[in-house]
Amino acid sequence: MKSIPRISQDNFDSQILLSHKGKTVVIFSADWCPYCVSFFNNWSEYARVDEVYIADITDVDSELWDSFRIEVVPTMAVFENGVLVKRWDGQLQKGLTIDQIDSVNNFLANL
C-alpha cells in the first residue's frame, strides 16, 4: 500500500479547504482505533481513489472532531474544490465496511 499523506488541524484548512482543487477524499482516523487499522488493511485492496489524505484526529481535543461532527472513526469525506460534498461515517463496533468503500468508489466515478 502506498503511503497516504497525513494532515492535522494545523494544516487542514490550507491543505484541503482553501487551496485544493478537484476531488479529494479525507479519512478521519485515530491511531488508537482498531477499526481504523482494519480499515486500512482493506483500503488498499478495494479503493480506487488517487487523491487521499488521512486527517489525524488521534488527539481527542482536535478541533476536527467538532468541526466535522465526527462521532465514529474512521469516517470518510469527499471534498470538491474545498467543499464537503459527501461523507460516510464509520459504524460502531465495525468501522467502515467494504460496501462503504465501494460506495465511495461509485460516488467518485459519477461526479
PDB file of N, CA and C in Angstrom:
ATOM      1  N   MET A   1       0.841  -1.179   0.000  1.00  0.00           N
ATOM      2  CA  MET A   1       0.000   0.000   0.000  1.00  0.00           C
ATOM      3  C   MET A   1       0.880   1.234   0.000  1.00  0.00           C
ATOM      4  N   LYS A   2       0.565   2.197  -0.858  1.00  0.00           N
ATOM      5  CA  LYS A   2       1.359   3.414  -0.879  1.00  0.00           C
ATOM      6  C   LYS A   2       1.032   4.257   0.347  1.00  0.00           C
ATOM      7  N   SER A   3       1.984   5.076   0.724  1.00  0.00           N
ATOM      8  CA  SER A   3       1.824   5.925   1.898  1.00  0.00           C
ATOM      9  C   SER A   3       0.806   7.030   1.615  1.00  0.00           C
ATOM     10  N   ILE A   4      -0.104   7.225   2.562  1.00  0.00           N
ATOM     11  CA  ILE A   4      -1.129   8.255   2.422  1.00  0.00           C
ATOM     12  C   ILE A   4      -0.691   9.454   3.249  1.00  0.00           C
ATOM     13  N   PRO A   5      -0.669  10.653   2.655  1.00  0.00           N
ATOM     14  CA  PRO A   5      -0.249  11.832   3.417  1.00  0.00           C
ATOM     15  C   PRO A   5      -1.185  12.098   4.594  1.00  0.00           C
ATOM     16  N   ARG A   6      -0.598  12.519   5.710  1.00  0.00           N
ATOM     17  CA  ARG A   6      -1.362  12.843   6.911  1.00  0.00           C
ATOM     18  C   ARG A   6      -1.471  14.352   7.040  1.00  0.00           C
ATOM     19  N   ILE A   7      -2.642  14.795   7.467  1.00  0.00           N
ATOM     20  CA  ILE A   7      -2.845  16.210   7.743  1.00  0.00           C
ATOM     21  C   ILE A   7      -3.419  16.329   9.150  1.00  0.00           C
ATOM     22  N   SER A   8      -3.285  17.503   9.724  1.00  0.00           N
ATOM     23  CA  SER A   8      -3.779  17.738  11.075  1.00  0.00           C
ATOM     24  C   SER A   8      -4.644  18.988  11.068  1.00  0.00           C
ATOM     25  N   GLN A   9      -5.164  19.323  12.217  1.00  0.00           N
ATOM     26  CA  GLN A   9      -5.953  20.548  12.344  1.00  0.00           C
ATOM     27  C   GLN A   9      -5.140  21.753  11.875  1.00  0.00           C
ATOM     28  N   ASP A  10      -3.836  21.739  12.165  1.00  0.00           N
ATOM     29  CA  ASP A  10      -2.982  22.877  11.828  1.00  0.00           C
ATOM     30  C   ASP A  10      -2.934  23.179  10.334  1.00  0.00           C
ATOM     31  N   ASN A  11      -2.976  22.141   9.504  1.00  0.00           N
ATOM     32  CA  ASN A  11      -2.876  22.394   8.061  1.00  0.00           C
ATOM     33  C   ASN A  11      -4.103  21.945   7.271  1.00  0.00           C
ATOM     34  N   PHE A  12      -5.178  21.533   7.941  1.00  0.00           N
ATOM     35  CA  PHE A  12      -6.364  21.047   7.237  1.00  0.00           C
ATOM     36  C   PHE A  12      -6.976  22.134   6.357  1.00  0.00           C
ATOM     37  N   ASP A  13      -7.194  23.318   6.924  1.00  0.00           N
ATOM     38  CA  ASP A  13      -7.822  24.389   6.152  1.00  0.00           C
ATOM     39  C   ASP A  13      -6.989  24.759   4.932  1.00  0.00           C
ATOM     40  N   SER A  14      -5.694  24.943   5.129  1.00  0.00           N
ATOM     41  CA  SER A  14      -4.855  25.364   3.999  1.00  0.00           C
ATOM     42  C   SER A  14      -4.677  24.250   2.979  1.00  0.00           C
ATOM     43  N   GLN A  15      -4.617  23.020   3.417  1.00  0.00           N
ATOM     44  CA  GLN A  15      -4.360  21.891   2.529  1.00  0.00           C
ATOM     45  C   GLN A  15      -5.620  21.439   1.777  1.00  0.00           C
ATOM     46  N   ILE A  16      -6.766  21.394   2.445  1.00  0.00           N
ATOM     47  CA  ILE A  16      -7.975  20.815   1.859  1.00  0.00           C
ATOM     48  C   ILE A  16      -9.008  21.880   1.484  1.00  0.00           C
ATOM     49  N   LEU A  17      -9.326  22.760   2.403  1.00  0.00           N
ATOM     50  CA  LEU A  17     -10.441  23.676   2.191  1.00  0.00           C
ATOM     51  C   LEU A  17     -10.098  24.880   1.326  1.00  0.00           C
ATOM     52  N   LEU A  18      -8.905  25.399   1.434  1.00  0.00           N
ATOM     53  CA  LEU A  18      -8.583  26.649   0.762  1.00  0.00           C
ATOM     54  C   LEU A  18      -7.836  26.492  -0.558  1.00  0.00           C
ATOM     55  N   SER A  19      -6.937  25.543  -0.650  1.00  0.00           N
ATOM     56  CA  SER A  19      -6.065  25.520  -1.829  1.00  0.00           C
ATOM     57  C   SER A  19      -6.261  24.323  -2.742  1.00  0.00           C
ATOM     58  N   HIS A  20      -6.959  23.290  -2.286  1.00  0.00           N
ATOM     59  CA  HIS A  20      -7.045  22.080  -3.093  1.00  0.00           C
ATOM     60  C   HIS A  20      -8.154  22.175  -4.125  1.00  0.00           C
ATOM     61  N   LYS A  21      -7.823  21.912  -5.365  1.00  0.00           N
ATOM     62  CA  LYS A  21      -8.800  21.920  -6.457  1.00  0.00           C
ATOM     63  C   LYS A  21      -9.107  20.489  -6.854  1.00  0.00           C
ATOM     64  N   GLY A  22     -10.337  20.236  -7.241  1.00  0.00           N
ATOM     65  CA  GLY A  22     -10.736  18.904  -7.647  1.00  0.00           C
ATOM     66  C   GLY A  22     -11.287  18.106  -6.488  1.00  0.00           C
ATOM     67  N   LYS A  23     -11.383  16.792  -6.693  1.00  0.00           N
ATOM     68  CA  LYS A  23     -11.953  15.879  -5.705  1.00  0.00           C
ATOM     69  C   LYS A  23     -10.870  15.321  -4.792  1.00  0.00           C
ATOM     70  N   THR A  24     -11.163  15.325  -3.513  1.00  0.00           N
ATOM     71  CA  THR A  24     -10.226  14.814  -2.530  1.00  0.00           C
ATOM     72  C   THR A  24     -10.982  13.987  -1.496  1.00  0.00           C
ATOM     73  N   VAL A  25     -10.443  12.836  -1.162  1.00  0.00           N
ATOM     74  CA  VAL A  25     -11.022  12.011  -0.104  1.00  0.00           C
ATOM     75  C   VAL A  25     -10.185  12.227   1.150  1.00  0.00           C
ATOM     76  N   VAL A  26     -10.880  12.495   2.260  1.00  0.00           N
ATOM     77  CA  VAL A  26     -10.213  12.642   3.547  1.00  0.00           C
ATOM     78  C   VAL A  26     -10.745  11.542   4.461  1.00  0.00           C
ATOM     79  N   ILE A  27      -9.826  10.803   5.056  1.00  0.00           N
ATOM     80  CA  ILE A  27     -10.178   9.752   6.002  1.00  0.00           C
ATOM     81  C   ILE A  27      -9.845  10.271   7.393  1.00  0.00           C
ATOM     82  N   PHE A  28     -10.872  10.496   8.203  1.00  0.00           N
ATOM     83  CA  PHE A  28     -10.667  10.908   9.583  1.00  0.00           C
ATOM     84  C   PHE A  28     -10.357   9.650  10.374  1.00  0.00           C
ATOM     85  N   SER A  29      -9.189   9.628  10.981  1.00  0.00           N
ATOM     86  CA  SER A  29      -8.689   8.412  11.607  1.00  0.00           C
ATOM     87  C   SER A  29      -7.965   8.740  12.899  1.00  0.00           C
ATOM     88  N   ALA A  30      -7.876   7.742  13.776  1.00  0.00           N
ATOM     89  CA  ALA A  30      -7.143   7.900  15.025  1.00  0.00           C
ATOM     90  C   ALA A  30      -6.232   6.692  15.232  1.00  0.00           C
ATOM     91  N   ASP A  31      -5.032   6.945  15.685  1.00  0.00           N
ATOM     92  CA  ASP A  31      -4.054   5.870  15.879  1.00  0.00           C
ATOM     93  C   ASP A  31      -4.523   4.815  16.881  1.00  0.00           C
ATOM     94  N   TRP A  32      -5.340   5.205  17.851  1.00  0.00           N
ATOM     95  CA  TRP A  32      -5.779   4.277  18.903  1.00  0.00           C
ATOM     96  C   TRP A  32      -6.966   3.423  18.476  1.00  0.00           C
ATOM     97  N   CYS A  33      -7.488   3.630  17.282  1.00  0.00           N
ATOM     98  CA  CYS A  33      -8.718   2.970  16.828  1.00  0.00           C
ATOM     99  C   CYS A  33      -8.409   1.655  16.094  1.00  0.00           C
ATOM    100  N   PRO A  34      -8.806   0.498  16.653  1.00  0.00           N
ATOM    101  CA  PRO A  34      -8.538  -0.776  15.973  1.00  0.00           C
ATOM    102  C   PRO A  34      -9.301  -0.908  14.654  1.00  0.00           C
ATOM    103  N   TYR A  35     -10.434  -0.233  14.545  1.00  0.00           N
ATOM    104  CA  TYR A  35     -11.211  -0.304  13.308  1.00  0.00           C
ATOM    105  C   TYR A  35     -10.538   0.486  12.188  1.00  0.00           C
ATOM    106  N   CYS A  36      -9.775   1.510  12.551  1.00  0.00           N
ATOM    107  CA  CYS A  36      -9.009   2.259  11.554  1.00  0.00           C
ATOM    108  C   CYS A  36      -7.911   1.377  10.974  1.00  0.00           C
ATOM    109  N   VAL A  37      -7.231   0.635  11.829  1.00  0.00           N
ATOM    110  CA  VAL A  37      -6.178  -0.275  11.373  1.00  0.00           C
ATOM    111  C   VAL A  37      -6.774  -1.313  10.422  1.00  0.00           C
ATOM    112  N   SER A  38      -7.882  -1.898  10.805  1.00  0.00           N
ATOM    113  CA  SER A  38      -8.558  -2.889   9.969  1.00  0.00           C
ATOM    114  C   SER A  38      -9.006  -2.276   8.644  1.00  0.00           C
ATOM    115  N   PHE A  39      -9.530  -1.060   8.713  1.00  0.00           N
ATOM    116  CA  PHE A  39      -9.979  -0.367   7.507  1.00  0.00           C
ATOM    117  C   PHE A  39      -8.829  -0.196   6.520  1.00  0.00           C
ATOM    118  N   PHE A  40      -7.675   0.256   6.993  1.00  0.00           N
ATOM    119  CA  PHE A  40      -6.554   0.487   6.088  1.00  0.00           C
ATOM    120  C   PHE A  40      -6.037  -0.807   5.475  1.00  0.00           C
ATOM    121  N   ASN A  41      -6.191  -1.913   6.154  1.00  0.00           N
ATOM    122  CA  ASN A  41      -5.830  -3.197   5.556  1.00  0.00           C
ATOM    123  C   ASN A  41      -6.732  -3.508   4.360  1.00  0.00           C
ATOM    124  N   ASN A  42      -8.014  -3.177   4.447  1.00  0.00           N
ATOM    125  CA  ASN A  42      -8.954  -3.397   3.339  1.00  0.00           C
ATOM    126  C   ASN A  42      -8.865  -2.301   2.279  1.00  0.00           C
ATOM    127  N   TRP A  43      -8.503  -1.110   2.701  1.00  0.00           N
ATOM    128  CA  TRP A  43      -8.497   0.049   1.803  1.00  0.00           C
ATOM    129  C   TRP A  43      -7.648  -0.206   0.559  1.00  0.00           C
ATOM    130  N   SER A  44      -6.444  -0.711   0.733  1.00  0.00           N
ATOM    131  CA  SER A  44      -5.538  -0.880  -0.399  1.00  0.00           C
ATOM    132  C   SER A  44      -6.080  -1.871  -1.419  1.00  0.00           C
ATOM    133  N   GLU A  45      -6.880  -2.817  -0.971  1.00  0.00           N
ATOM    134  CA  GLU A  45      -7.430  -3.812  -1.887  1.00  0.00           C
ATOM    135  C   GLU A  45      -8.626  -3.285  -2.679  1.00  0.00           C
ATOM    136  N   TYR A  46      -9.420  -2.411  -2.073  1.00  0.00           N
ATOM    137  CA  TYR A  46     -10.691  -2.017  -2.681  1.00  0.00           C
ATOM    138  C   TYR A  46     -10.756  -0.585  -3.191  1.00  0.00           C
ATOM    139  N   ALA A  47      -9.929   0.285  -2.712  1.00  0.00           N
ATOM    140  CA  ALA A  47     -10.044   1.695  -3.070  1.00  0.00           C
ATOM    141  C   ALA A  47      -9.612   1.957  -4.504  1.00  0.00           C
ATOM    142  N   ARG A  48     -10.297   2.858  -5.126  1.00  0.00           N
ATOM    143  CA  ARG A  48      -9.962   3.285  -6.489  1.00  0.00           C
ATOM    144  C   ARG A  48      -9.829   4.803  -6.536  1.00  0.00           C
ATOM    145  N   VAL A  49      -9.177   5.352  -5.535  1.00  0.00           N
ATOM    146  CA  VAL A  49      -9.076   6.796  -5.367  1.00  0.00           C
ATOM    147  C   VAL A  49      -7.609   7.188  -5.354  1.00  0.00           C
ATOM    148  N   ASP A  50      -7.269   8.253  -6.056  1.00  0.00           N
ATOM    149  CA  ASP A  50      -5.886   8.709  -6.116  1.00  0.00           C
ATOM    150  C   ASP A  50      -5.556   9.784  -5.087  1.00  0.00           C
ATOM    151  N   GLU A  51      -6.450  10.740  -4.910  1.00  0.00           N
ATOM    152  CA  GLU A  51      -6.171  11.884  -4.044  1.00  0.00           C
ATOM    153  C   GLU A  51      -6.779  11.656  -2.669  1.00  0.00           C
ATOM    154  N   VAL A  52      -5.970  11.149  -1.742  1.00  0.00           N
ATOM    155  CA  VAL A  52      -6.443  10.761  -0.417  1.00  0.00           C
ATOM    156  C   VAL A  52      -5.522  11.346   0.648  1.00  0.00           C
ATOM    157  N   TYR A  53      -6.131  11.798   1.731  1.00  0.00           N
ATOM    158  CA  TYR A  53      -5.388  12.267   2.893  1.00  0.00           C
ATOM    159  C   TYR A  53      -5.968  11.617   4.138  1.00  0.00           C
ATOM    160  N   ILE A  54      -5.133  11.425   5.142  1.00  0.00           N
ATOM    161  CA  ILE A  54      -5.595  10.987   6.452  1.00  0.00           C
ATOM    162  C   ILE A  54      -5.603  12.210   7.355  1.00  0.00           C
ATOM    163  N   ALA A  55      -6.784  12.532   7.891  1.00  0.00           N
ATOM    164  CA  ALA A  55      -6.883  13.609   8.874  1.00  0.00           C
ATOM    165  C   ALA A  55      -6.668  12.973  10.235  1.00  0.00           C
ATOM    166  N   ASP A  56      -5.556  13.278  10.817  1.00  0.00           N
ATOM    167  CA  ASP A  56      -5.166  12.665  12.083  1.00  0.00           C
ATOM    168  C   ASP A  56      -5.914  13.323  13.236  1.00  0.00           C
ATOM    169  N   ILE A  57      -6.868  12.586  13.814  1.00  0.00           N
ATOM    170  CA  ILE A  57      -7.615  13.109  14.955  1.00  0.00           C
ATOM    171  C   ILE A  57      -7.356  12.246  16.186  1.00  0.00           C
ATOM    172  N   THR A  58      -6.114  11.773  16.282  1.00  0.00           N
ATOM    173  CA  THR A  58      -5.714  10.959  17.419  1.00  0.00           C
ATOM    174  C   THR A  58      -5.910  11.710  18.730  1.00  0.00           C
ATOM    175  N   ASP A  59      -5.614  12.987  18.723  1.00  0.00           N
ATOM    176  CA  ASP A  59      -5.792  13.813  19.914  1.00  0.00           C
ATOM    177  C   ASP A  59      -7.281  14.091  20.098  1.00  0.00           C
ATOM    178  N   VAL A  60      -7.852  13.659  21.213  1.00  0.00           N
ATOM    179  CA  VAL A  60      -9.285  13.835  21.426  1.00  0.00           C
ATOM    180  C   VAL A  60      -9.683  15.305  21.540  1.00  0.00           C
ATOM    181  N   ASP A  61      -8.710  16.190  21.696  1.00  0.00           N
ATOM    182  CA  ASP A  61      -9.003  17.620  21.736  1.00  0.00           C
ATOM    183  C   ASP A  61      -8.945  18.258  20.349  1.00  0.00           C
ATOM    184  N   SER A  62      -8.699  17.472  19.321  1.00  0.00           N
ATOM    185  CA  SER A  62      -8.601  18.009  17.967  1.00  0.00           C
ATOM    186  C   SER A  62      -9.890  18.719  17.585  1.00  0.00           C
ATOM    187  N   GLU A  63      -9.749  19.898  17.035  1.00  0.00           N
ATOM    188  CA  GLU A  63     -10.914  20.662  16.590  1.00  0.00           C
ATOM    189  C   GLU A  63     -11.633  19.968  15.434  1.00  0.00           C
ATOM    190  N   LEU A  64     -10.950  19.068  14.735  1.00  0.00           N
ATOM    191  CA  LEU A  64     -11.596  18.361  13.627  1.00  0.00           C
ATOM    192  C   LEU A  64     -12.763  17.500  14.099  1.00  0.00           C
ATOM    193  N   TRP A  65     -12.677  16.960  15.334  1.00  0.00           N
ATOM    194  CA  TRP A  65     -13.805  16.194  15.886  1.00  0.00           C
ATOM    195  C   TRP A  65     -15.076  17.037  15.851  1.00  0.00           C
ATOM    196  N   ASP A  66     -14.948  18.275  16.340  1.00  0.00           N
ATOM    197  CA  ASP A  66     -16.106  19.164  16.420  1.00  0.00           C
ATOM    198  C   ASP A  66     -16.449  19.799  15.081  1.00  0.00           C
ATOM    199  N   SER A  67     -15.435  20.229  14.353  1.00  0.00           N
ATOM    200  CA  SER A  67     -15.677  20.912  13.082  1.00  0.00           C
ATOM    201  C   SER A  67     -16.513  20.076  12.126  1.00  0.00           C
ATOM    202  N   PHE A  68     -16.258  18.770  12.109  1.00  0.00           N
ATOM    203  CA  PHE A  68     -16.971  17.894  11.177  1.00  0.00           C
ATOM    204  C   PHE A  68     -17.915  16.935  11.886  1.00  0.00           C
ATOM    205  N   ARG A  69     -18.121  17.167  13.174  1.00  0.00           N
ATOM    206  CA  ARG A  69     -19.032  16.349  13.983  1.00  0.00           C
ATOM    207  C   ARG A  69     -18.734  14.853  13.823  1.00  0.00           C
ATOM    208  N   ILE A  70     -17.473  14.523  13.974  1.00  0.00           N
ATOM    209  CA  ILE A  70     -17.046  13.130  13.875  1.00  0.00           C
ATOM    210  C   ILE A  70     -17.456  12.411  15.164  1.00  0.00           C
ATOM    211  N   GLU A  71     -18.174  11.323  15.016  1.00  0.00           N
ATOM    212  CA  GLU A  71     -18.590  10.539  16.176  1.00  0.00           C
ATOM    213  C   GLU A  71     -17.923   9.169  16.205  1.00  0.00           C
ATOM    214  N   VAL A  72     -17.632   8.617  15.030  1.00  0.00           N
ATOM    215  CA  VAL A  72     -17.013   7.296  14.923  1.00  0.00           C
ATOM    216  C   VAL A  72     -15.898   7.386  13.890  1.00  0.00           C
ATOM    217  N   VAL A  73     -14.752   6.812  14.219  1.00  0.00           N
ATOM    218  CA  VAL A  73     -13.666   6.731  13.249  1.00  0.00           C
ATOM    219  C   VAL A  73     -13.471   5.277  12.855  1.00  0.00           C
ATOM    220  N   PRO A  74     -13.062   5.019  11.627  1.00  0.00           N
ATOM    221  CA  PRO A  74     -12.808   6.016  10.601  1.00  0.00           C
ATOM    222  C   PRO A  74     -14.109   6.551   9.997  1.00  0.00           C
ATOM    223  N   THR A  75     -14.026   7.783   9.528  1.00  0.00           N
ATOM    224  CA  THR A  75     -15.077   8.427   8.755  1.00  0.00           C
ATOM    225  C   THR A  75     -14.421   8.944   7.489  1.00  0.00           C
ATOM    226  N   MET A  76     -15.092   8.787   6.349  1.00  0.00           N
ATOM    227  CA  MET A  76     -14.551   9.277   5.078  1.00  0.00           C
ATOM    228  C   MET A  76     -15.401  10.423   4.577  1.00  0.00           C
ATOM    229  N   ALA A  77     -14.736  11.397   3.966  1.00  0.00           N
ATOM    230  CA  ALA A  77     -15.434  12.544   3.405  1.00  0.00           C
ATOM    231  C   ALA A  77     -14.835  12.876   2.046  1.00  0.00           C
ATOM    232  N   VAL A  78     -15.698  13.300   1.124  1.00  0.00           N
ATOM    233  CA  VAL A  78     -15.235  13.750  -0.191  1.00  0.00           C
ATOM    234  C   VAL A  78     -15.441  15.260  -0.261  1.00  0.00           C
ATOM    235  N   PHE A  79     -14.361  15.942  -0.598  1.00  0.00           N
ATOM    236  CA  PHE A  79     -14.398  17.380  -0.799  1.00  0.00           C
ATOM    237  C   PHE A  79     -14.182  17.641  -2.282  1.00  0.00           C
ATOM    238  N   GLU A  80     -14.916  18.590  -2.814  1.00  0.00           N
ATOM    239  CA  GLU A  80     -14.684  19.019  -4.194  1.00  0.00           C
ATOM    240  C   GLU A  80     -14.439  20.514  -4.169  1.00  0.00           C
ATOM    241  N   ASN A  81     -13.256  20.909  -4.620  1.00  0.00           N
ATOM    242  CA  ASN A  81     -12.826  22.308  -4.571  1.00  0.00           C
ATOM    243  C   ASN A  81     -13.001  22.896  -3.179  1.00  0.00           C
ATOM    244  N   GLY A  82     -12.683  22.101  -2.157  1.00  0.00           N
ATOM    245  CA  GLY A  82     -12.720  22.572  -0.785  1.00  0.00           C
ATOM    246  C   GLY A  82     -14.073  22.521  -0.104  1.00  0.00           C
ATOM    247  N   VAL A  83     -15.102  22.022  -0.792  1.00  0.00           N
ATOM    248  CA  VAL A  83     -16.448  21.950  -0.236  1.00  0.00           C
ATOM    249  C   VAL A  83     -16.797  20.488   0.031  1.00  0.00           C
ATOM    250  N   LEU A  84     -17.290  20.216   1.228  1.00  0.00           N
ATOM    251  CA  LEU A  84     -17.721  18.860   1.573  1.00  0.00           C
ATOM    252  C   LEU A  84     -18.955  18.505   0.748  1.00  0.00           C
ATOM    253  N   VAL A  85     -18.858  17.408  -0.022  1.00  0.00           N
ATOM    254  CA  VAL A  85     -19.982  17.010  -0.863  1.00  0.00           C
ATOM    255  C   VAL A  85     -20.612  15.687  -0.444  1.00  0.00           C
ATOM    256  N   LYS A  86     -19.873  14.863   0.320  1.00  0.00           N
ATOM    257  CA  LYS A  86     -20.425  13.571   0.744  1.00  0.00           C
ATOM    258  C   LYS A  86     -19.544  13.007   1.851  1.00  0.00           C
ATOM    259  N   ARG A  87     -20.182  12.253   2.758  1.00  0.00           N
ATOM    260  CA  ARG A  87     -19.387  11.584   3.788  1.00  0.00           C
ATOM    261  C   ARG A  87     -20.005  10.253   4.164  1.00  0.00           C
ATOM    262  N   TRP A  88     -19.142   9.375   4.655  1.00  0.00           N
ATOM    263  CA  TRP A  88     -19.535   8.047   5.122  1.00  0.00           C
ATOM    264  C   TRP A  88     -18.998   7.903   6.535  1.00  0.00           C
ATOM    265  N   ASP A  89     -19.882   7.709   7.481  1.00  0.00           N
ATOM    266  CA  ASP A  89     -19.479   7.568   8.876  1.00  0.00           C
ATOM    267  C   ASP A  89     -19.236   6.110   9.199  1.00  0.00           C
ATOM    268  N   GLY A  90     -18.177   5.873   9.958  1.00  0.00           N
ATOM    269  CA  GLY A  90     -17.930   4.527  10.442  1.00  0.00           C
ATOM    270  C   GLY A  90     -19.073   4.074  11.338  1.00  0.00           C
ATOM    271  N   GLN A  91     -19.216   2.778  11.459  1.00  0.00           N
ATOM    272  CA  GLN A  91     -20.264   2.205  12.289  1.00  0.00           C
ATOM    273  C   GLN A  91     -19.655   1.723  13.598  1.00  0.00           C
ATOM    274  N   LEU A  92     -20.385   1.924  14.687  1.00  0.00           N
ATOM    275  CA  LEU A  92     -19.904   1.460  15.980  1.00  0.00           C
ATOM    276  C   LEU A  92     -19.601  -0.033  15.921  1.00  0.00           C
ATOM    277  N   GLN A  93     -18.485  -0.412  16.500  1.00  0.00           N
ATOM    278  CA  GLN A  93     -18.050  -1.798  16.578  1.00  0.00           C
ATOM    279  C   GLN A  93     -17.722  -2.420  15.215  1.00  0.00           C
ATOM    280  N   LYS A  94     -17.701  -1.612  14.125  1.00  0.00           N
ATOM    281  CA  LYS A  94     -17.394  -2.142  12.795  1.00  0.00           C
ATOM    282  C   LYS A  94     -16.432  -1.265  12.017  1.00  0.00           C
ATOM    283  N   GLY A  95     -16.479   0.026  12.209  1.00  0.00           N
ATOM    284  CA  GLY A  95     -15.705   0.936  11.377  1.00  0.00           C
ATOM    285  C   GLY A  95     -16.381   1.111  10.024  1.00  0.00           C
ATOM    286  N   LEU A  96     -15.588   1.302   8.985  1.00  0.00           N
ATOM    287  CA  LEU A  96     -16.121   1.413   7.624  1.00  0.00           C
ATOM    288  C   LEU A  96     -16.113   0.045   6.971  1.00  0.00           C
ATOM    289  N   THR A  97     -17.157  -0.247   6.230  1.00  0.00           N
ATOM    290  CA  THR A  97     -17.298  -1.558   5.604  1.00  0.00           C
ATOM    291  C   THR A  97     -16.810  -1.533   4.159  1.00  0.00           C
ATOM    292  N   ILE A  98     -16.627  -2.696   3.604  1.00  0.00           N
ATOM    293  CA  ILE A  98     -16.253  -2.804   2.191  1.00  0.00           C
ATOM    294  C   ILE A  98     -17.343  -2.204   1.316  1.00  0.00           C
ATOM    295  N   ASP A  99     -18.607  -2.365   1.698  1.00  0.00           N
ATOM    296  CA  ASP A  99     -19.706  -1.748   0.945  1.00  0.00           C
ATOM    297  C   ASP A  99     -19.586  -0.229   0.939  1.00  0.00           C
ATOM    298  N   GLN A 100     -19.165   0.352   2.065  1.00  0.00           N
ATOM    299  CA  GLN A 100     -18.979   1.794   2.103  1.00  0.00           C
ATOM    300  C   GLN A 100     -17.814   2.224   1.215  1.00  0.00           C
ATOM    301  N   ILE A 101     -16.746   1.456   1.198  1.00  0.00           N
ATOM    302  CA  ILE A 101     -15.622   1.766   0.301  1.00  0.00           C
ATOM    303  C   ILE A 101     -16.092   1.701  -1.150  1.00  0.00           C
ATOM    304  N   ASP A 102     -16.885   0.682  -1.497  1.00  0.00           N
ATOM    305  CA  ASP A 102     -17.451   0.595  -2.852  1.00  0.00           C
ATOM    306  C   ASP A 102     -18.325   1.796  -3.155  1.00  0.00           C
ATOM    307  N   SER A 103     -19.085   2.246  -2.167  1.00  0.00           N
ATOM    308  CA  SER A 103     -19.942   3.415  -2.338  1.00  0.00           C
ATOM    309  C   SER A 103     -19.105   4.664  -2.639  1.00  0.00           C
ATOM    310  N   VAL A 104     -17.966   4.803  -1.968  1.00  0.00           N
ATOM    311  CA  VAL A 104     -17.055   5.914  -2.249  1.00  0.00           C
ATOM    312  C   VAL A 104     -16.587   5.845  -3.687  1.00  0.00           C
ATOM    313  N   ASN A 105     -16.144   4.671  -4.116  1.00  0.00           N
ATOM    314  CA  ASN A 105     -15.676   4.495  -5.491  1.00  0.00           C
ATOM    315  C   ASN A 105     -16.757   4.855  -6.501  1.00  0.00           C
ATOM    316  N   ASN A 106     -17.983   4.369  -6.274  1.00  0.00           N
ATOM    317  CA  ASN A 106     -19.108   4.669  -7.181  1.00  0.00           C
ATOM    318  C   ASN A 106     -19.445   6.143  -7.186  1.00  0.00           C
ATOM    319  N   PHE A 107     -19.444   6.759  -6.019  1.00  0.00           N
ATOM    320  CA  PHE A 107     -19.740   8.188  -5.918  1.00  0.00           C
ATOM    321  C   PHE A 107     -18.736   9.005  -6.714  1.00  0.00           C
ATOM    322  N   LEU A 108     -17.458   8.701  -6.538  1.00  0.00           N
ATOM    323  CA  LEU A 108     -16.422   9.465  -7.242  1.00  0.00           C
ATOM    324  C   LEU A 108     -16.472   9.231  -8.746  1.00  0.00           C
ATOM    325  N   ALA A 109     -16.820   8.035  -9.163  1.00  0.00           N
ATOM    326  CA  ALA A 109     -16.893   7.738 -10.597  1.00  0.00           C
ATOM    327  C   ALA A 109     -18.022   8.522 -11.265  1.00  0.00           C
ATOM    328  N   ASN A 110     -19.037   8.880 -10.490  1.00  0.00           N
ATOM    329  CA  ASN A 110     -20.192   9.574 -11.069  1.00  0.00           C
ATOM    330  C   ASN A 110     -20.182  11.072 -10.856  1.00  0.00           C
ATOM    331  N   LEU A 111     -19.112  11.616 -10.273  1.00  0.00           N
ATOM    332  CA  LEU A 111     -19.032  13.072 -10.095  1.00  0.00           C
ATOM    333  C   LEU A 111     -18.693  13.753 -11.391  1.00  0.00           C
TER     334      LEU A 111
END
